[in-house]
């Protein structure tokens, strides 16, 4: 039992870590583009903003289980298989990227417009302003990444029900199908502990940066 839970915990942490990195690498730049091209922003472009806005809304409105099934062919193309821990990272990343993009857009939009106007008056270009926005919104970005990681932990549990491995797989295979309550409860406790640790660390880092 202990070995199975340890292996499943490793798989969950690995899935969530890799998926969070790729989701952030995809979502953060898109969030910047959304911020920059929205109305009255530094590079207003209604067409670009509208296209990205619609795509993100569609992806965010799609239930994860359905999205995972839809992305199965992409997972097979990238990693060579449709099931397993590595394959599950693909739909996890795809599902989280739109969430990251929207959170980042909102985060960047909360920056004091006076600072942006001051930068413009000093001759700062669009790229310089984007760097300023990133710097000023760092605490919010950390909070957004923390929320993303926590959401992905929940998604990874659902991925386990479709052959993704991890603690979700243990909970379904042993806890539900074999009626092993101890395995089910152990999986739940481990997931809760992981979430609490991530939330604690993320909050502490965000506050520390904010105080600077």
N, C-alpha and C. Protein backbone atom coordinates (compact mmCIF):
# COMPACT_ATOMS: atom_id res chain seq x y z
N UNK A 1 0.83 -1.21 0.00
CA UNK A 1 0.00 0.00 0.00
C UNK A 1 0.86 1.26 0.00
N UNK A 2 1.88 1.29 0.88
CA UNK A 2 2.72 2.48 0.99
C UNK A 2 3.45 2.74 -0.32
N UNK A 3 4.00 1.69 -0.92
CA UNK A 3 4.73 1.85 -2.18
C UNK A 3 3.84 2.37 -3.29
N UNK A 4 2.59 1.88 -3.33
CA UNK A 4 1.65 2.33 -4.36
C UNK A 4 1.29 3.80 -4.18
N UNK A 5 1.07 4.20 -2.93
CA UNK A 5 0.75 5.61 -2.64
C UNK A 5 1.94 6.51 -2.93
N UNK A 6 3.13 6.04 -2.62
CA UNK A 6 4.34 6.83 -2.87
C UNK A 6 4.53 7.05 -4.37
N UNK A 7 4.36 5.99 -5.13
CA UNK A 7 4.49 6.07 -6.59
C UNK A 7 3.43 7.00 -7.17
N UNK A 8 2.19 6.87 -6.68
CA UNK A 8 1.09 7.70 -7.17
C UNK A 8 1.31 9.17 -6.81
N UNK A 9 1.85 9.41 -5.62
CA UNK A 9 2.14 10.79 -5.21
C UNK A 9 3.20 11.41 -6.11
N UNK A 10 4.23 10.63 -6.41
CA UNK A 10 5.28 11.10 -7.33
C UNK A 10 4.68 11.43 -8.70
N UNK A 11 3.81 10.55 -9.19
CA UNK A 11 3.20 10.77 -10.50
C UNK A 11 2.36 12.04 -10.51
N UNK A 12 1.59 12.25 -9.43
CA UNK A 12 0.76 13.45 -9.34
C UNK A 12 1.62 14.71 -9.32
N UNK A 13 2.65 14.71 -8.49
CA UNK A 13 3.54 15.87 -8.40
C UNK A 13 4.23 16.13 -9.72
N UNK A 14 4.67 15.07 -10.39
CA UNK A 14 5.35 15.22 -11.68
C UNK A 14 4.40 15.79 -12.73
N UNK A 15 3.18 15.24 -12.79
CA UNK A 15 2.19 15.72 -13.76
C UNK A 15 1.88 17.20 -13.54
N UNK A 16 1.64 17.54 -12.29
CA UNK A 16 1.25 18.92 -11.96
C UNK A 16 2.41 19.88 -12.20
N UNK A 17 3.62 19.50 -11.83
CA UNK A 17 4.78 20.37 -12.00
C UNK A 17 5.05 20.67 -13.47
N UNK A 18 5.14 19.63 -14.28
CA UNK A 18 5.42 19.81 -15.70
C UNK A 18 4.29 20.56 -16.39
N UNK A 19 3.06 20.20 -16.08
CA UNK A 19 1.90 20.86 -16.70
C UNK A 19 1.82 22.34 -16.30
N UNK A 20 2.16 22.65 -15.06
CA UNK A 20 2.15 24.04 -14.60
C UNK A 20 3.18 24.87 -15.35
N UNK A 21 4.35 24.28 -15.58
CA UNK A 21 5.42 25.00 -16.30
C UNK A 21 4.98 25.31 -17.73
N UNK A 22 4.47 24.29 -18.42
CA UNK A 22 4.06 24.50 -19.81
C UNK A 22 2.84 25.41 -19.91
N UNK A 23 1.90 25.27 -18.96
CA UNK A 23 0.71 26.14 -18.97
C UNK A 23 1.10 27.59 -18.76
N UNK A 24 2.09 27.83 -17.89
CA UNK A 24 2.56 29.19 -17.64
C UNK A 24 3.31 29.74 -18.84
N UNK A 25 4.15 28.89 -19.45
CA UNK A 25 4.90 29.32 -20.64
C UNK A 25 3.96 29.68 -21.79
N UNK A 26 2.82 28.99 -21.87
CA UNK A 26 1.84 29.29 -22.91
C UNK A 26 0.92 30.44 -22.51
N UNK A 27 0.43 30.39 -21.28
CA UNK A 27 -0.59 31.33 -20.84
C UNK A 27 -0.10 32.73 -20.54
N UNK A 28 1.09 32.85 -19.97
CA UNK A 28 1.59 34.18 -19.58
C UNK A 28 1.78 35.10 -20.79
N UNK A 29 2.45 34.65 -21.86
CA UNK A 29 2.56 35.52 -23.04
C UNK A 29 1.21 35.88 -23.65
N UNK A 30 0.29 34.92 -23.66
CA UNK A 30 -1.05 35.21 -24.20
C UNK A 30 -1.74 36.25 -23.33
N UNK A 31 -1.56 36.12 -22.01
CA UNK A 31 -2.12 37.12 -21.10
C UNK A 31 -1.56 38.51 -21.37
N UNK A 32 -0.27 38.58 -21.66
CA UNK A 32 0.36 39.87 -21.99
C UNK A 32 -0.22 40.44 -23.28
N UNK A 33 -0.42 39.57 -24.28
CA UNK A 33 -0.98 40.02 -25.55
C UNK A 33 -2.41 40.52 -25.35
N UNK A 34 -3.19 39.78 -24.54
CA UNK A 34 -4.55 40.22 -24.25
C UNK A 34 -4.55 41.60 -23.58
N UNK A 35 -3.66 41.77 -22.62
CA UNK A 35 -3.57 43.06 -21.92
C UNK A 35 -3.16 44.17 -22.88
N UNK A 36 -2.18 43.89 -23.72
CA UNK A 36 -1.64 44.92 -24.61
C UNK A 36 -2.61 45.31 -25.71
N UNK A 37 -3.43 44.36 -26.17
CA UNK A 37 -4.31 44.63 -27.32
C UNK A 37 -5.74 45.00 -26.95
N UNK A 38 -6.05 44.97 -25.65
CA UNK A 38 -7.42 45.31 -25.25
C UNK A 38 -7.69 46.80 -25.45
N UNK A 39 -8.94 47.19 -25.34
CA UNK A 39 -9.33 48.58 -25.59
C UNK A 39 -8.59 49.55 -24.67
N UNK A 40 -8.07 50.64 -25.26
CA UNK A 40 -7.38 51.71 -24.54
C UNK A 40 -6.07 51.25 -23.90
N UNK A 41 -5.52 50.14 -24.37
CA UNK A 41 -4.24 49.68 -23.84
C UNK A 41 -3.10 50.16 -24.74
N UNK A 42 -1.89 49.66 -24.50
CA UNK A 42 -0.70 50.20 -25.17
C UNK A 42 -0.59 49.82 -26.64
N UNK A 43 -1.27 48.77 -27.06
CA UNK A 43 -1.22 48.34 -28.47
C UNK A 43 -2.60 47.82 -28.88
N UNK A 44 -3.61 48.65 -28.71
CA UNK A 44 -4.99 48.23 -28.95
C UNK A 44 -5.17 47.61 -30.33
N UNK A 45 -5.74 46.41 -30.35
CA UNK A 45 -6.01 45.72 -31.61
C UNK A 45 -7.25 44.85 -31.40
N UNK A 46 -8.38 45.34 -31.86
CA UNK A 46 -9.65 44.67 -31.59
C UNK A 46 -9.71 43.27 -32.18
N UNK A 47 -9.13 43.09 -33.37
CA UNK A 47 -9.20 41.78 -34.04
C UNK A 47 -8.42 40.73 -33.26
N UNK A 48 -7.16 41.06 -32.91
CA UNK A 48 -6.31 40.12 -32.17
C UNK A 48 -6.93 39.80 -30.82
N UNK A 49 -7.39 40.84 -30.13
CA UNK A 49 -7.98 40.62 -28.80
C UNK A 49 -9.23 39.76 -28.90
N UNK A 50 -10.08 40.03 -29.88
CA UNK A 50 -11.34 39.30 -29.99
C UNK A 50 -11.10 37.82 -30.30
N UNK A 51 -10.16 37.55 -31.20
CA UNK A 51 -9.86 36.16 -31.56
C UNK A 51 -9.36 35.39 -30.34
N UNK A 52 -8.37 35.96 -29.64
CA UNK A 52 -7.82 35.30 -28.45
C UNK A 52 -8.88 35.15 -27.36
N UNK A 53 -9.70 36.19 -27.20
CA UNK A 53 -10.74 36.18 -26.17
C UNK A 53 -11.74 35.04 -26.43
N UNK A 54 -12.16 34.87 -27.66
CA UNK A 54 -13.13 33.82 -28.01
C UNK A 54 -12.52 32.44 -27.82
N UNK A 55 -11.28 32.25 -28.28
CA UNK A 55 -10.62 30.95 -28.16
C UNK A 55 -10.47 30.56 -26.69
N UNK A 56 -10.05 31.51 -25.87
CA UNK A 56 -9.85 31.24 -24.44
C UNK A 56 -11.18 30.91 -23.78
N UNK A 57 -12.21 31.66 -24.11
CA UNK A 57 -13.53 31.38 -23.53
C UNK A 57 -14.04 29.99 -23.90
N UNK A 58 -13.81 29.58 -25.15
CA UNK A 58 -14.24 28.25 -25.59
C UNK A 58 -13.50 27.17 -24.82
N UNK A 59 -12.18 27.31 -24.72
CA UNK A 59 -11.38 26.29 -24.03
C UNK A 59 -11.70 26.24 -22.54
N UNK A 60 -11.95 27.39 -21.94
CA UNK A 60 -12.24 27.42 -20.50
C UNK A 60 -13.63 26.87 -20.20
N UNK A 61 -14.54 26.96 -21.16
CA UNK A 61 -15.90 26.47 -20.92
C UNK A 61 -16.02 24.97 -21.15
N UNK A 62 -14.99 24.35 -21.72
CA UNK A 62 -15.04 22.92 -22.02
C UNK A 62 -14.66 22.11 -20.78
N UNK A 63 -15.52 21.19 -20.33
CA UNK A 63 -15.19 20.34 -19.18
C UNK A 63 -13.87 19.59 -19.42
N UNK A 64 -13.08 19.43 -18.35
CA UNK A 64 -11.76 18.84 -18.51
C UNK A 64 -11.81 17.43 -19.07
N UNK A 65 -12.77 16.63 -18.63
CA UNK A 65 -12.85 15.25 -19.10
C UNK A 65 -13.04 15.21 -20.62
N UNK A 66 -13.92 16.09 -21.14
CA UNK A 66 -14.16 16.15 -22.58
C UNK A 66 -12.91 16.66 -23.30
N UNK A 67 -12.29 17.70 -22.73
CA UNK A 67 -11.09 18.27 -23.33
C UNK A 67 -9.98 17.23 -23.40
N UNK A 68 -9.87 16.42 -22.35
CA UNK A 68 -8.83 15.40 -22.32
C UNK A 68 -9.03 14.39 -23.45
N UNK A 69 -10.28 14.00 -23.69
CA UNK A 69 -10.59 13.06 -24.76
C UNK A 69 -10.27 13.69 -26.12
N UNK A 70 -10.62 14.97 -26.28
CA UNK A 70 -10.37 15.67 -27.54
C UNK A 70 -8.87 15.78 -27.82
N UNK A 71 -8.09 15.98 -26.76
CA UNK A 71 -6.64 16.21 -26.92
C UNK A 71 -5.85 14.90 -26.98
N UNK A 72 -6.50 13.76 -26.78
CA UNK A 72 -5.82 12.47 -26.85
C UNK A 72 -4.96 12.32 -28.11
N UNK A 73 -5.47 12.65 -29.31
CA UNK A 73 -4.64 12.52 -30.53
C UNK A 73 -3.38 13.39 -30.47
N UNK A 74 -3.50 14.59 -29.89
CA UNK A 74 -2.33 15.46 -29.76
C UNK A 74 -1.31 14.86 -28.81
N UNK A 75 -1.81 14.25 -27.73
CA UNK A 75 -0.91 13.60 -26.77
C UNK A 75 -0.16 12.46 -27.43
N UNK A 76 -0.85 11.69 -28.25
CA UNK A 76 -0.21 10.58 -28.94
C UNK A 76 0.84 11.09 -29.93
N UNK A 77 0.54 12.20 -30.57
CA UNK A 77 1.47 12.79 -31.53
C UNK A 77 2.74 13.29 -30.84
N UNK A 78 2.57 13.86 -29.64
CA UNK A 78 3.71 14.46 -28.94
C UNK A 78 4.53 13.43 -28.17
N UNK A 79 3.86 12.57 -27.41
CA UNK A 79 4.58 11.62 -26.54
C UNK A 79 4.48 10.17 -26.99
N UNK A 80 3.69 9.93 -28.04
CA UNK A 80 3.62 8.58 -28.59
C UNK A 80 2.59 7.67 -27.97
N UNK A 81 1.80 8.16 -27.02
CA UNK A 81 0.76 7.33 -26.41
C UNK A 81 -0.35 8.21 -25.87
N UNK A 82 -1.52 7.58 -25.64
CA UNK A 82 -2.70 8.33 -25.21
C UNK A 82 -2.95 8.24 -23.70
N UNK A 83 -2.41 7.24 -23.04
CA UNK A 83 -2.66 7.08 -21.62
C UNK A 83 -1.35 7.07 -20.84
N UNK A 84 -1.45 7.24 -19.53
CA UNK A 84 -0.27 7.25 -18.69
C UNK A 84 0.05 8.64 -18.18
N UNK A 85 1.00 8.70 -17.26
CA UNK A 85 1.36 9.96 -16.62
C UNK A 85 1.85 11.00 -17.62
N UNK A 86 2.76 10.61 -18.49
CA UNK A 86 3.35 11.56 -19.45
C UNK A 86 2.29 12.05 -20.43
N UNK A 87 1.46 11.15 -20.93
CA UNK A 87 0.40 11.53 -21.87
C UNK A 87 -0.58 12.51 -21.24
N UNK A 88 -0.86 12.34 -19.95
CA UNK A 88 -1.83 13.20 -19.27
C UNK A 88 -1.34 14.63 -19.14
N UNK A 89 -0.01 14.82 -19.22
CA UNK A 89 0.54 16.17 -19.10
C UNK A 89 0.09 17.08 -20.23
N UNK A 90 -0.16 16.50 -21.41
CA UNK A 90 -0.56 17.30 -22.57
C UNK A 90 -1.93 17.95 -22.36
N UNK A 91 -3.00 17.18 -22.09
CA UNK A 91 -4.30 17.82 -21.85
C UNK A 91 -4.31 18.69 -20.60
N UNK A 92 -3.51 18.33 -19.59
CA UNK A 92 -3.43 19.17 -18.40
C UNK A 92 -2.87 20.54 -18.75
N UNK A 93 -1.82 20.57 -19.56
CA UNK A 93 -1.22 21.85 -19.96
C UNK A 93 -2.18 22.66 -20.82
N UNK A 94 -2.84 21.97 -21.76
CA UNK A 94 -3.78 22.65 -22.66
C UNK A 94 -4.97 23.22 -21.90
N UNK A 95 -5.44 22.51 -20.89
CA UNK A 95 -6.60 22.96 -20.13
C UNK A 95 -6.25 24.14 -19.22
N UNK A 96 -5.01 24.16 -18.71
CA UNK A 96 -4.63 25.20 -17.75
C UNK A 96 -4.15 26.48 -18.42
N UNK A 97 -3.63 26.38 -19.64
CA UNK A 97 -3.08 27.57 -20.32
C UNK A 97 -4.11 28.70 -20.47
N UNK A 98 -5.36 28.42 -20.90
CA UNK A 98 -6.34 29.51 -21.00
C UNK A 98 -6.66 30.14 -19.65
N UNK A 99 -6.69 29.31 -18.61
CA UNK A 99 -6.92 29.83 -17.26
C UNK A 99 -5.79 30.79 -16.86
N UNK A 100 -4.56 30.38 -17.13
CA UNK A 100 -3.40 31.23 -16.83
C UNK A 100 -3.49 32.54 -17.61
N UNK A 101 -3.83 32.44 -18.89
CA UNK A 101 -3.91 33.64 -19.73
C UNK A 101 -4.91 34.65 -19.19
N UNK A 102 -6.09 34.16 -18.78
CA UNK A 102 -7.13 35.06 -18.28
C UNK A 102 -6.74 35.65 -16.93
N UNK A 103 -6.17 34.83 -16.06
CA UNK A 103 -5.73 35.32 -14.76
C UNK A 103 -4.65 36.38 -14.93
N UNK A 104 -3.71 36.14 -15.84
CA UNK A 104 -2.63 37.10 -16.07
C UNK A 104 -3.15 38.40 -16.67
N UNK A 105 -4.10 38.29 -17.59
CA UNK A 105 -4.69 39.50 -18.16
C UNK A 105 -5.31 40.37 -17.07
N UNK A 106 -6.08 39.75 -16.19
CA UNK A 106 -6.70 40.49 -15.10
C UNK A 106 -5.66 41.07 -14.16
N UNK A 107 -4.61 40.30 -13.92
CA UNK A 107 -3.54 40.74 -13.04
C UNK A 107 -2.84 41.98 -13.61
N UNK A 108 -2.51 41.93 -14.90
CA UNK A 108 -1.83 43.06 -15.54
C UNK A 108 -2.73 44.29 -15.61
N UNK A 109 -4.03 44.06 -15.75
CA UNK A 109 -4.98 45.17 -15.87
C UNK A 109 -5.15 45.93 -14.56
N UNK A 110 -4.73 45.33 -13.45
CA UNK A 110 -4.85 45.98 -12.15
C UNK A 110 -3.69 46.93 -11.84
N UNK A 111 -2.70 46.96 -12.72
CA UNK A 111 -1.56 47.86 -12.50
C UNK A 111 -2.02 49.31 -12.59
N UNK A 112 -1.49 50.14 -11.72
CA UNK A 112 -1.83 51.56 -11.69
C UNK A 112 -1.53 52.20 -13.06
N UNK A 113 -2.56 52.70 -13.71
CA UNK A 113 -2.38 53.30 -15.04
C UNK A 113 -1.48 54.53 -15.00
N UNK A 114 -1.40 55.15 -13.80
CA UNK A 114 -0.53 56.32 -13.67
C UNK A 114 0.92 55.97 -13.91
N UNK A 115 1.33 54.78 -13.48
CA UNK A 115 2.72 54.36 -13.70
C UNK A 115 3.00 54.12 -15.17
N UNK A 116 1.99 53.58 -15.88
CA UNK A 116 2.16 53.36 -17.32
C UNK A 116 2.24 54.69 -18.06
N UNK A 117 1.37 55.64 -17.68
CA UNK A 117 1.40 56.96 -18.31
C UNK A 117 2.71 57.68 -18.03
N UNK A 118 3.22 57.50 -16.80
CA UNK A 118 4.51 58.12 -16.45
C UNK A 118 5.63 57.54 -17.30
N UNK A 119 5.58 56.23 -17.52
CA UNK A 119 6.60 55.59 -18.35
C UNK A 119 6.52 56.08 -19.79
N UNK A 120 5.30 56.26 -20.29
CA UNK A 120 5.12 56.78 -21.65
C UNK A 120 5.68 58.19 -21.78
N UNK A 121 5.42 59.00 -20.76
CA UNK A 121 5.88 60.39 -20.81
C UNK A 121 7.40 60.49 -20.79
N UNK A 122 8.05 59.46 -20.28
CA UNK A 122 9.51 59.43 -20.23
C UNK A 122 10.11 58.77 -21.47
N UNK A 123 9.25 58.46 -22.44
CA UNK A 123 9.72 57.92 -23.71
C UNK A 123 9.86 56.41 -23.76
N UNK A 124 9.26 55.73 -22.81
CA UNK A 124 9.35 54.27 -22.80
C UNK A 124 8.55 53.68 -23.96
N UNK A 125 9.15 52.67 -24.61
CA UNK A 125 8.47 51.99 -25.70
C UNK A 125 7.51 50.93 -25.17
N UNK A 126 6.80 50.28 -26.07
CA UNK A 126 5.82 49.27 -25.68
C UNK A 126 6.48 48.10 -24.95
N UNK A 127 7.65 47.69 -25.44
CA UNK A 127 8.35 46.57 -24.81
C UNK A 127 8.77 46.95 -23.39
N UNK A 128 9.23 48.18 -23.21
CA UNK A 128 9.64 48.64 -21.88
C UNK A 128 8.45 48.71 -20.93
N UNK A 129 7.31 49.11 -21.46
CA UNK A 129 6.11 49.19 -20.64
C UNK A 129 5.66 47.79 -20.22
N UNK A 130 5.77 46.83 -21.13
CA UNK A 130 5.41 45.45 -20.79
C UNK A 130 6.33 44.90 -19.69
N UNK A 131 7.60 45.26 -19.76
CA UNK A 131 8.53 44.84 -18.70
C UNK A 131 8.15 45.48 -17.37
N UNK A 132 7.72 46.74 -17.42
CA UNK A 132 7.27 47.42 -16.21
C UNK A 132 6.03 46.74 -15.64
N UNK A 133 5.11 46.40 -16.52
CA UNK A 133 3.87 45.73 -16.09
C UNK A 133 4.19 44.39 -15.43
N UNK A 134 5.10 43.63 -16.02
CA UNK A 134 5.49 42.34 -15.45
C UNK A 134 6.12 42.52 -14.07
N UNK A 135 6.97 43.51 -13.95
CA UNK A 135 7.65 43.76 -12.68
C UNK A 135 6.66 44.17 -11.59
N UNK A 136 5.76 45.08 -11.94
CA UNK A 136 4.81 45.60 -10.95
C UNK A 136 3.76 44.54 -10.53
N UNK A 137 3.50 43.59 -11.42
CA UNK A 137 2.45 42.61 -11.14
C UNK A 137 3.00 41.27 -10.65
N UNK A 138 4.28 41.23 -10.30
CA UNK A 138 4.90 39.96 -9.88
C UNK A 138 4.14 39.25 -8.75
N UNK A 139 3.74 39.95 -7.68
CA UNK A 139 2.97 39.26 -6.62
C UNK A 139 1.69 38.62 -7.15
N UNK A 140 0.99 39.34 -8.02
CA UNK A 140 -0.23 38.81 -8.60
C UNK A 140 0.04 37.62 -9.52
N UNK A 141 1.16 37.68 -10.23
CA UNK A 141 1.54 36.56 -11.10
C UNK A 141 1.80 35.31 -10.26
N UNK A 142 2.49 35.49 -9.13
CA UNK A 142 2.76 34.35 -8.23
C UNK A 142 1.44 33.76 -7.72
N UNK A 143 0.51 34.63 -7.33
CA UNK A 143 -0.80 34.16 -6.87
C UNK A 143 -1.53 33.40 -7.97
N UNK A 144 -1.42 33.90 -9.20
CA UNK A 144 -2.07 33.25 -10.33
C UNK A 144 -1.49 31.87 -10.61
N UNK A 145 -0.17 31.77 -10.53
CA UNK A 145 0.48 30.48 -10.74
C UNK A 145 0.08 29.50 -9.64
N UNK A 146 -0.01 30.02 -8.41
CA UNK A 146 -0.42 29.18 -7.29
C UNK A 146 -1.82 28.61 -7.52
N UNK A 147 -2.74 29.46 -7.97
CA UNK A 147 -4.10 29.00 -8.27
C UNK A 147 -4.10 27.96 -9.38
N UNK A 148 -3.24 28.18 -10.36
CA UNK A 148 -3.14 27.25 -11.48
C UNK A 148 -2.69 25.88 -11.02
N UNK A 149 -1.65 25.85 -10.18
CA UNK A 149 -1.13 24.58 -9.67
C UNK A 149 -2.20 23.83 -8.88
N UNK A 150 -2.92 24.56 -8.05
CA UNK A 150 -3.97 23.93 -7.23
C UNK A 150 -5.09 23.38 -8.12
N UNK A 151 -5.48 24.13 -9.15
CA UNK A 151 -6.49 23.63 -10.08
C UNK A 151 -6.01 22.38 -10.81
N UNK A 152 -4.73 22.38 -11.17
CA UNK A 152 -4.17 21.23 -11.89
C UNK A 152 -4.13 19.98 -11.02
N UNK A 153 -4.00 20.15 -9.73
CA UNK A 153 -4.05 18.99 -8.83
C UNK A 153 -5.42 18.33 -8.92
N UNK A 154 -6.48 19.15 -8.96
CA UNK A 154 -7.82 18.61 -9.13
C UNK A 154 -8.00 17.96 -10.49
N UNK A 155 -7.48 18.60 -11.53
CA UNK A 155 -7.56 18.03 -12.87
C UNK A 155 -6.80 16.72 -12.97
N UNK A 156 -5.64 16.65 -12.29
CA UNK A 156 -4.82 15.43 -12.35
C UNK A 156 -5.56 14.25 -11.73
N UNK A 157 -6.37 14.55 -10.71
CA UNK A 157 -7.18 13.48 -10.10
C UNK A 157 -8.21 12.95 -11.09
N UNK A 158 -8.81 13.86 -11.89
CA UNK A 158 -9.75 13.43 -12.91
C UNK A 158 -9.04 12.67 -14.03
N UNK A 159 -7.82 13.11 -14.33
CA UNK A 159 -7.04 12.42 -15.37
C UNK A 159 -6.76 10.98 -14.97
N UNK A 160 -6.63 10.74 -13.67
CA UNK A 160 -6.39 9.38 -13.17
C UNK A 160 -7.53 8.44 -13.51
N UNK A 161 -8.73 8.99 -13.60
CA UNK A 161 -9.90 8.16 -13.93
C UNK A 161 -9.87 7.72 -15.39
N UNK A 162 -9.06 8.41 -16.21
CA UNK A 162 -8.96 8.07 -17.64
C UNK A 162 -7.59 7.52 -17.98
N UNK A 163 -6.96 6.90 -17.01
CA UNK A 163 -5.67 6.25 -17.28
C UNK A 163 -4.47 7.14 -17.14
N UNK A 164 -4.63 8.27 -16.46
CA UNK A 164 -3.52 9.20 -16.32
C UNK A 164 -2.57 8.89 -15.19
N UNK A 165 -2.92 7.93 -14.34
CA UNK A 165 -2.06 7.60 -13.21
C UNK A 165 -2.23 8.59 -12.07
N UNK A 166 -1.35 8.49 -11.08
CA UNK A 166 -1.39 9.41 -9.96
C UNK A 166 -2.39 9.01 -8.89
N UNK A 167 -2.63 9.93 -7.96
CA UNK A 167 -3.51 9.65 -6.84
C UNK A 167 -4.96 9.46 -7.26
N UNK A 168 -5.37 10.11 -8.33
CA UNK A 168 -6.72 9.92 -8.84
C UNK A 168 -6.95 8.49 -9.29
N UNK A 169 -5.93 7.91 -9.90
CA UNK A 169 -6.01 6.52 -10.34
C UNK A 169 -6.13 5.58 -9.15
N UNK A 170 -5.35 5.85 -8.10
CA UNK A 170 -5.40 5.03 -6.89
C UNK A 170 -6.79 5.12 -6.26
N UNK A 171 -7.33 6.34 -6.18
CA UNK A 171 -8.64 6.54 -5.55
C UNK A 171 -9.74 5.81 -6.32
N UNK A 172 -9.67 5.84 -7.65
CA UNK A 172 -10.68 5.18 -8.47
C UNK A 172 -10.50 3.67 -8.47
N UNK A 173 -9.25 3.23 -8.76
CA UNK A 173 -9.01 1.80 -8.94
C UNK A 173 -9.16 1.00 -7.66
N UNK A 174 -8.58 1.52 -6.58
CA UNK A 174 -8.63 0.78 -5.32
C UNK A 174 -9.77 1.26 -4.41
N UNK A 175 -9.86 2.59 -4.26
CA UNK A 175 -10.87 3.12 -3.35
C UNK A 175 -12.29 2.87 -3.80
N UNK A 176 -12.56 3.06 -5.10
CA UNK A 176 -13.91 2.92 -5.61
C UNK A 176 -14.20 1.52 -6.14
N UNK A 177 -13.38 1.08 -7.09
CA UNK A 177 -13.65 -0.22 -7.73
C UNK A 177 -13.47 -1.41 -6.79
N UNK A 178 -12.47 -1.33 -5.91
CA UNK A 178 -12.20 -2.44 -5.01
C UNK A 178 -12.71 -2.20 -3.60
N UNK A 179 -13.35 -1.05 -3.41
CA UNK A 179 -13.95 -0.71 -2.12
C UNK A 179 -12.94 -0.69 -0.98
N UNK A 180 -11.72 -0.22 -1.28
CA UNK A 180 -10.69 -0.11 -0.25
C UNK A 180 -10.70 1.32 0.29
N UNK A 181 -11.47 1.51 1.34
CA UNK A 181 -11.67 2.86 1.90
C UNK A 181 -10.37 3.47 2.37
N UNK A 182 -9.46 2.66 2.91
CA UNK A 182 -8.19 3.19 3.41
C UNK A 182 -7.37 3.83 2.29
N UNK A 183 -7.36 3.20 1.11
CA UNK A 183 -6.63 3.75 -0.02
C UNK A 183 -7.27 5.04 -0.52
N UNK A 184 -8.60 5.07 -0.53
CA UNK A 184 -9.33 6.26 -0.94
C UNK A 184 -9.04 7.42 0.00
N UNK A 185 -9.15 7.19 1.30
CA UNK A 185 -8.93 8.25 2.27
C UNK A 185 -7.47 8.72 2.27
N UNK A 186 -6.54 7.76 2.11
CA UNK A 186 -5.12 8.13 2.06
C UNK A 186 -4.84 9.02 0.86
N UNK A 187 -5.46 8.71 -0.28
CA UNK A 187 -5.29 9.54 -1.48
C UNK A 187 -5.82 10.95 -1.27
N UNK A 188 -6.99 11.03 -0.65
CA UNK A 188 -7.61 12.33 -0.38
C UNK A 188 -6.74 13.15 0.57
N UNK A 189 -6.25 12.53 1.63
CA UNK A 189 -5.42 13.23 2.62
C UNK A 189 -4.15 13.76 1.96
N UNK A 190 -3.51 12.95 1.13
CA UNK A 190 -2.27 13.37 0.47
C UNK A 190 -2.53 14.55 -0.46
N UNK A 191 -3.64 14.50 -1.20
CA UNK A 191 -3.99 15.60 -2.10
C UNK A 191 -4.22 16.88 -1.31
N UNK A 192 -4.95 16.77 -0.20
CA UNK A 192 -5.22 17.94 0.65
C UNK A 192 -3.92 18.53 1.19
N UNK A 193 -3.02 17.67 1.64
CA UNK A 193 -1.73 18.13 2.17
C UNK A 193 -0.93 18.86 1.09
N UNK A 194 -0.89 18.28 -0.11
CA UNK A 194 -0.16 18.91 -1.21
C UNK A 194 -0.73 20.29 -1.52
N UNK A 195 -2.05 20.39 -1.57
CA UNK A 195 -2.71 21.67 -1.85
C UNK A 195 -2.37 22.70 -0.78
N UNK A 196 -2.42 22.29 0.49
CA UNK A 196 -2.13 23.21 1.59
C UNK A 196 -0.69 23.70 1.54
N UNK A 197 0.23 22.81 1.23
CA UNK A 197 1.65 23.19 1.14
C UNK A 197 1.86 24.19 0.01
N UNK A 198 1.28 23.91 -1.14
CA UNK A 198 1.43 24.81 -2.29
C UNK A 198 0.82 26.18 -1.99
N UNK A 199 -0.36 26.19 -1.40
CA UNK A 199 -1.01 27.46 -1.06
C UNK A 199 -0.17 28.26 -0.07
N UNK A 200 0.38 27.58 0.93
CA UNK A 200 1.20 28.24 1.95
C UNK A 200 2.45 28.85 1.32
N UNK A 201 3.15 28.05 0.52
CA UNK A 201 4.38 28.53 -0.11
C UNK A 201 4.09 29.68 -1.07
N UNK A 202 3.06 29.52 -1.90
CA UNK A 202 2.70 30.56 -2.86
C UNK A 202 2.34 31.87 -2.18
N UNK A 203 1.57 31.79 -1.11
CA UNK A 203 1.17 33.00 -0.37
C UNK A 203 2.37 33.68 0.27
N UNK A 204 3.25 32.90 0.86
CA UNK A 204 4.44 33.46 1.50
C UNK A 204 5.35 34.15 0.49
N UNK A 205 5.56 33.52 -0.65
CA UNK A 205 6.42 34.11 -1.68
C UNK A 205 5.81 35.39 -2.21
N UNK A 206 4.50 35.37 -2.46
CA UNK A 206 3.82 36.56 -2.97
C UNK A 206 3.91 37.72 -1.99
N UNK A 207 3.68 37.44 -0.70
CA UNK A 207 3.75 38.49 0.31
C UNK A 207 5.15 39.04 0.45
N UNK A 208 6.14 38.16 0.38
CA UNK A 208 7.53 38.60 0.51
C UNK A 208 7.92 39.52 -0.62
N UNK A 209 7.52 39.17 -1.84
CA UNK A 209 7.82 40.01 -3.00
C UNK A 209 7.08 41.32 -2.91
N UNK A 210 5.83 41.29 -2.45
CA UNK A 210 5.00 42.47 -2.35
C UNK A 210 5.56 43.49 -1.37
N UNK A 211 6.18 42.99 -0.28
CA UNK A 211 6.76 43.88 0.73
C UNK A 211 7.97 44.62 0.20
N UNK A 212 8.63 44.03 -0.78
CA UNK A 212 9.80 44.69 -1.37
C UNK A 212 9.42 45.93 -2.17
